[in-house]
Amino acid sequence: MREGNRRALGENLRQGQSVDDHVLIEALRVPTLIMWGIKDHVISNVPDAEQFHRDIVGSQVVTFKGAGHVLQEEIPDASVAALKAFLTGSVGAAEPDR
């Protein structure tokens, strides 16, 4: 909600991208946690999260039923818990589909 944020976001979206994101995503070789809000209306839907998961070797996915695009603001406790579980190697302990 900071002054200028909406204008900057709009300009960014209008510019498009000159790089194929798919190629960049497939090139990732680091531990990656994909957290996805089921109600995300900004970036398509959960099948995209599953595609990211297939493209990023060794990635893990956690989805959240009650959240949209900004998990850290909408469900801070649950998103931080999932991140902590990922960082400590116990992401399976974090319940998906919250």
N, C-alpha and C. Protein backbone atom coordinates (compact mmCIF):
# COMPACT_ATOMS: atom_id res chain seq x y z
N MET A 1 0.81 -1.20 0.00
CA MET A 1 0.00 0.00 0.00
C MET A 1 0.86 1.27 0.00
N ARG A 2 2.18 1.11 -0.07
CA ARG A 2 3.05 2.28 -0.08
C ARG A 2 2.86 3.09 -1.35
N GLU A 3 3.06 4.38 -1.24
CA GLU A 3 2.90 5.27 -2.38
C GLU A 3 3.79 4.81 -3.54
N GLY A 4 3.18 4.67 -4.71
CA GLY A 4 3.92 4.30 -5.91
C GLY A 4 3.97 2.81 -6.19
N ASN A 5 3.62 1.96 -5.21
CA ASN A 5 3.69 0.51 -5.41
C ASN A 5 2.78 0.03 -6.52
N ARG A 6 1.54 0.46 -6.50
CA ARG A 6 0.60 -0.02 -7.52
C ARG A 6 1.02 0.41 -8.91
N ARG A 7 1.47 1.65 -9.05
CA ARG A 7 1.94 2.14 -10.34
C ARG A 7 3.13 1.32 -10.81
N ALA A 8 4.08 1.07 -9.92
CA ALA A 8 5.28 0.31 -10.28
C ALA A 8 4.92 -1.12 -10.69
N LEU A 9 4.00 -1.75 -9.96
CA LEU A 9 3.57 -3.10 -10.32
C LEU A 9 2.93 -3.11 -11.70
N GLY A 10 2.06 -2.15 -11.95
CA GLY A 10 1.41 -2.07 -13.26
C GLY A 10 2.41 -1.90 -14.39
N GLU A 11 3.41 -1.04 -14.18
CA GLU A 11 4.44 -0.83 -15.21
C GLU A 11 5.25 -2.11 -15.43
N ASN A 12 5.54 -2.80 -14.35
CA ASN A 12 6.30 -4.05 -14.45
C ASN A 12 5.52 -5.09 -15.27
N LEU A 13 4.23 -5.22 -15.00
CA LEU A 13 3.41 -6.19 -15.71
C LEU A 13 3.26 -5.83 -17.18
N ARG A 14 3.19 -4.55 -17.50
CA ARG A 14 3.06 -4.12 -18.90
C ARG A 14 4.33 -4.38 -19.70
N GLN A 15 5.47 -4.38 -19.04
CA GLN A 15 6.74 -4.55 -19.75
C GLN A 15 6.92 -5.97 -20.27
N GLY A 16 6.28 -6.93 -19.64
CA GLY A 16 6.47 -8.31 -20.06
C GLY A 16 7.86 -8.79 -19.74
N GLN A 17 8.22 -9.92 -20.26
CA GLN A 17 9.54 -10.48 -19.98
C GLN A 17 10.17 -10.95 -21.27
N SER A 18 11.48 -10.73 -21.36
CA SER A 18 12.19 -11.13 -22.57
C SER A 18 12.89 -12.48 -22.39
N VAL A 19 12.82 -13.04 -21.19
CA VAL A 19 13.49 -14.31 -20.90
C VAL A 19 12.42 -15.38 -20.67
N ASP A 20 12.67 -16.57 -21.15
CA ASP A 20 11.74 -17.67 -20.92
C ASP A 20 11.90 -18.17 -19.49
N ASP A 21 10.93 -17.85 -18.64
CA ASP A 21 11.00 -18.25 -17.23
C ASP A 21 11.16 -19.75 -17.07
N HIS A 22 10.54 -20.50 -17.94
CA HIS A 22 10.59 -21.96 -17.85
C HIS A 22 12.04 -22.45 -17.88
N VAL A 23 12.84 -21.87 -18.75
CA VAL A 23 14.25 -22.25 -18.86
C VAL A 23 14.98 -21.90 -17.57
N LEU A 24 14.71 -20.73 -17.02
CA LEU A 24 15.37 -20.31 -15.78
C LEU A 24 14.95 -21.20 -14.61
N ILE A 25 13.67 -21.53 -14.55
CA ILE A 25 13.16 -22.36 -13.45
C ILE A 25 13.78 -23.75 -13.52
N GLU A 26 13.84 -24.34 -14.69
CA GLU A 26 14.45 -25.67 -14.83
C GLU A 26 15.92 -25.69 -14.47
N ALA A 27 16.59 -24.54 -14.55
CA ALA A 27 18.03 -24.46 -14.27
C ALA A 27 18.32 -24.39 -12.76
N LEU A 28 17.31 -24.19 -11.94
CA LEU A 28 17.54 -24.10 -10.49
C LEU A 28 18.08 -25.41 -9.95
N ARG A 29 19.12 -25.31 -9.16
CA ARG A 29 19.74 -26.49 -8.55
C ARG A 29 20.00 -26.25 -7.07
N VAL A 30 19.05 -25.63 -6.42
CA VAL A 30 19.16 -25.35 -4.98
C VAL A 30 17.90 -25.86 -4.30
N PRO A 31 17.98 -26.19 -3.02
CA PRO A 31 16.77 -26.61 -2.32
C PRO A 31 15.70 -25.51 -2.43
N THR A 32 14.51 -25.88 -2.85
CA THR A 32 13.47 -24.90 -3.12
C THR A 32 12.16 -25.34 -2.50
N LEU A 33 11.56 -24.44 -1.73
CA LEU A 33 10.23 -24.67 -1.18
C LEU A 33 9.24 -23.83 -1.97
N ILE A 34 8.25 -24.48 -2.52
CA ILE A 34 7.20 -23.80 -3.28
C ILE A 34 5.98 -23.74 -2.37
N MET A 35 5.61 -22.54 -1.94
CA MET A 35 4.43 -22.36 -1.09
C MET A 35 3.37 -21.68 -1.94
N TRP A 36 2.17 -22.25 -1.96
CA TRP A 36 1.14 -21.77 -2.87
C TRP A 36 -0.18 -21.64 -2.14
N GLY A 37 -0.79 -20.48 -2.25
CA GLY A 37 -2.13 -20.26 -1.72
C GLY A 37 -3.16 -20.66 -2.75
N ILE A 38 -4.06 -21.54 -2.38
CA ILE A 38 -5.09 -22.04 -3.30
C ILE A 38 -5.92 -20.89 -3.88
N LYS A 39 -6.11 -19.82 -3.10
CA LYS A 39 -6.92 -18.68 -3.54
C LYS A 39 -6.10 -17.62 -4.27
N ASP A 40 -4.91 -17.97 -4.73
CA ASP A 40 -4.05 -17.01 -5.44
C ASP A 40 -4.67 -16.68 -6.79
N HIS A 41 -5.03 -15.41 -6.98
CA HIS A 41 -5.61 -14.97 -8.25
C HIS A 41 -4.60 -14.17 -9.07
N VAL A 42 -3.38 -14.03 -8.55
CA VAL A 42 -2.35 -13.27 -9.25
C VAL A 42 -1.57 -14.18 -10.20
N ILE A 43 -1.16 -15.35 -9.70
CA ILE A 43 -0.40 -16.29 -10.52
C ILE A 43 -1.20 -17.58 -10.64
N SER A 44 -1.96 -17.66 -11.68
CA SER A 44 -2.77 -18.82 -12.05
C SER A 44 -3.26 -19.65 -10.88
N ASN A 45 -2.81 -20.90 -10.82
CA ASN A 45 -3.40 -21.81 -9.86
C ASN A 45 -2.41 -22.90 -9.45
N VAL A 46 -2.88 -23.80 -8.61
CA VAL A 46 -2.02 -24.84 -8.05
C VAL A 46 -1.35 -25.72 -9.11
N PRO A 47 -1.97 -26.02 -10.24
CA PRO A 47 -1.22 -26.80 -11.24
C PRO A 47 0.12 -26.14 -11.63
N ASP A 48 0.19 -24.80 -11.54
CA ASP A 48 1.47 -24.14 -11.80
C ASP A 48 2.49 -24.51 -10.73
N ALA A 49 2.05 -24.61 -9.48
CA ALA A 49 2.96 -25.02 -8.40
C ALA A 49 3.47 -26.42 -8.66
N GLU A 50 2.61 -27.29 -9.12
CA GLU A 50 3.03 -28.66 -9.42
C GLU A 50 4.00 -28.68 -10.60
N GLN A 51 3.80 -27.79 -11.57
CA GLN A 51 4.74 -27.71 -12.70
C GLN A 51 6.09 -27.21 -12.22
N PHE A 52 6.10 -26.21 -11.35
CA PHE A 52 7.36 -25.74 -10.77
C PHE A 52 8.05 -26.90 -10.06
N HIS A 53 7.27 -27.66 -9.31
CA HIS A 53 7.82 -28.79 -8.56
C HIS A 53 8.46 -29.82 -9.51
N ARG A 54 7.82 -30.10 -10.63
CA ARG A 54 8.39 -31.03 -11.61
C ARG A 54 9.66 -30.46 -12.24
N ASP A 55 9.68 -29.14 -12.45
CA ASP A 55 10.81 -28.51 -13.13
C ASP A 55 12.02 -28.27 -12.24
N ILE A 56 11.80 -28.14 -10.93
CA ILE A 56 12.90 -27.84 -10.02
C ILE A 56 13.28 -29.12 -9.28
N VAL A 57 14.40 -29.68 -9.64
CA VAL A 57 14.85 -30.94 -9.05
C VAL A 57 14.99 -30.79 -7.53
N GLY A 58 14.37 -31.70 -6.80
CA GLY A 58 14.48 -31.70 -5.34
C GLY A 58 13.61 -30.68 -4.63
N SER A 59 12.71 -30.04 -5.34
CA SER A 59 11.84 -29.05 -4.69
C SER A 59 10.74 -29.73 -3.89
N GLN A 60 10.12 -28.95 -3.03
CA GLN A 60 8.99 -29.43 -2.23
C GLN A 60 7.86 -28.41 -2.33
N VAL A 61 6.62 -28.89 -2.28
CA VAL A 61 5.45 -28.02 -2.41
C VAL A 61 4.59 -28.12 -1.16
N VAL A 62 4.15 -26.96 -0.67
CA VAL A 62 3.16 -26.90 0.39
C VAL A 62 2.07 -25.95 -0.08
N THR A 63 0.83 -26.40 -0.07
CA THR A 63 -0.28 -25.54 -0.47
C THR A 63 -1.12 -25.16 0.74
N PHE A 64 -1.78 -24.03 0.64
CA PHE A 64 -2.58 -23.50 1.74
C PHE A 64 -3.97 -23.15 1.22
N LYS A 65 -4.99 -23.83 1.73
CA LYS A 65 -6.36 -23.63 1.27
C LYS A 65 -6.90 -22.24 1.57
N GLY A 66 -6.55 -21.70 2.72
CA GLY A 66 -7.16 -20.44 3.16
C GLY A 66 -6.42 -19.19 2.79
N ALA A 67 -5.53 -19.25 1.80
CA ALA A 67 -4.73 -18.08 1.49
C ALA A 67 -4.62 -17.86 -0.01
N GLY A 68 -4.21 -16.65 -0.35
CA GLY A 68 -4.03 -16.29 -1.76
C GLY A 68 -2.57 -16.09 -2.10
N HIS A 69 -2.25 -14.93 -2.64
CA HIS A 69 -0.92 -14.66 -3.20
C HIS A 69 0.11 -14.22 -2.16
N VAL A 70 -0.33 -13.59 -1.09
CA VAL A 70 0.62 -12.99 -0.14
C VAL A 70 0.57 -13.76 1.17
N LEU A 71 1.11 -14.96 1.16
CA LEU A 71 1.03 -15.86 2.31
C LEU A 71 1.59 -15.24 3.58
N GLN A 72 2.71 -14.54 3.47
CA GLN A 72 3.35 -13.99 4.65
C GLN A 72 2.49 -12.95 5.36
N GLU A 73 1.55 -12.35 4.65
CA GLU A 73 0.64 -11.39 5.27
C GLU A 73 -0.69 -12.04 5.65
N GLU A 74 -1.17 -12.94 4.83
CA GLU A 74 -2.48 -13.55 5.05
C GLU A 74 -2.45 -14.60 6.16
N ILE A 75 -1.42 -15.43 6.15
CA ILE A 75 -1.30 -16.51 7.15
C ILE A 75 0.14 -16.59 7.64
N PRO A 76 0.61 -15.56 8.33
CA PRO A 76 2.02 -15.53 8.71
C PRO A 76 2.47 -16.72 9.55
N ASP A 77 1.66 -17.15 10.51
CA ASP A 77 2.08 -18.26 11.37
C ASP A 77 2.25 -19.55 10.58
N ALA A 78 1.29 -19.86 9.73
CA ALA A 78 1.35 -21.11 8.97
C ALA A 78 2.46 -21.07 7.92
N SER A 79 2.65 -19.93 7.27
CA SER A 79 3.69 -19.87 6.24
C SER A 79 5.08 -19.92 6.87
N VAL A 80 5.26 -19.28 8.02
CA VAL A 80 6.56 -19.35 8.70
C VAL A 80 6.81 -20.76 9.21
N ALA A 81 5.78 -21.44 9.71
CA ALA A 81 5.94 -22.81 10.18
C ALA A 81 6.39 -23.72 9.03
N ALA A 82 5.80 -23.54 7.86
CA ALA A 82 6.19 -24.36 6.70
C ALA A 82 7.63 -24.06 6.30
N LEU A 83 8.00 -22.79 6.31
CA LEU A 83 9.37 -22.42 5.96
C LEU A 83 10.37 -22.98 6.97
N LYS A 84 10.05 -22.87 8.25
CA LYS A 84 10.95 -23.42 9.28
C LYS A 84 11.09 -24.93 9.12
N ALA A 85 9.99 -25.62 8.83
CA ALA A 85 10.05 -27.07 8.63
C ALA A 85 10.94 -27.40 7.43
N PHE A 86 10.83 -26.63 6.37
CA PHE A 86 11.67 -26.84 5.19
C PHE A 86 13.14 -26.62 5.53
N LEU A 87 13.43 -25.54 6.23
CA LEU A 87 14.82 -25.20 6.55
C LEU A 87 15.47 -26.21 7.50
N THR A 88 14.65 -26.85 8.33
CA THR A 88 15.20 -27.84 9.26
C THR A 88 15.13 -29.26 8.69
N GLY A 89 14.64 -29.38 7.46
CA GLY A 89 14.58 -30.69 6.82
C GLY A 89 13.40 -31.53 7.22
N SER A 90 12.39 -30.91 7.83
CA SER A 90 11.23 -31.68 8.28
C SER A 90 9.95 -31.15 7.64
N VAL A 91 10.02 -30.78 6.36
CA VAL A 91 8.84 -30.21 5.70
C VAL A 91 7.68 -31.18 5.69
N GLY A 92 7.94 -32.47 5.74
CA GLY A 92 6.85 -33.43 5.81
C GLY A 92 6.01 -33.26 7.07
N ALA A 93 6.59 -32.66 8.09
CA ALA A 93 5.85 -32.42 9.33
C ALA A 93 4.89 -31.26 9.18
N ALA A 94 5.15 -30.38 8.21
CA ALA A 94 4.24 -29.26 7.96
C ALA A 94 3.08 -29.79 7.14
N GLU A 95 1.89 -29.66 7.67
CA GLU A 95 0.72 -30.19 6.98
C GLU A 95 0.39 -29.37 5.75
N PRO A 96 0.37 -29.98 4.56
CA PRO A 96 -0.05 -29.24 3.38
C PRO A 96 -1.56 -29.03 3.39
N ASP A 97 -2.02 -28.22 2.47
CA ASP A 97 -3.45 -27.95 2.31
C ASP A 97 -4.06 -27.37 3.57
N ARG A 98 -3.43 -26.37 4.11
CA ARG A 98 -3.95 -25.71 5.32
C ARG A 98 -5.09 -24.80 4.99
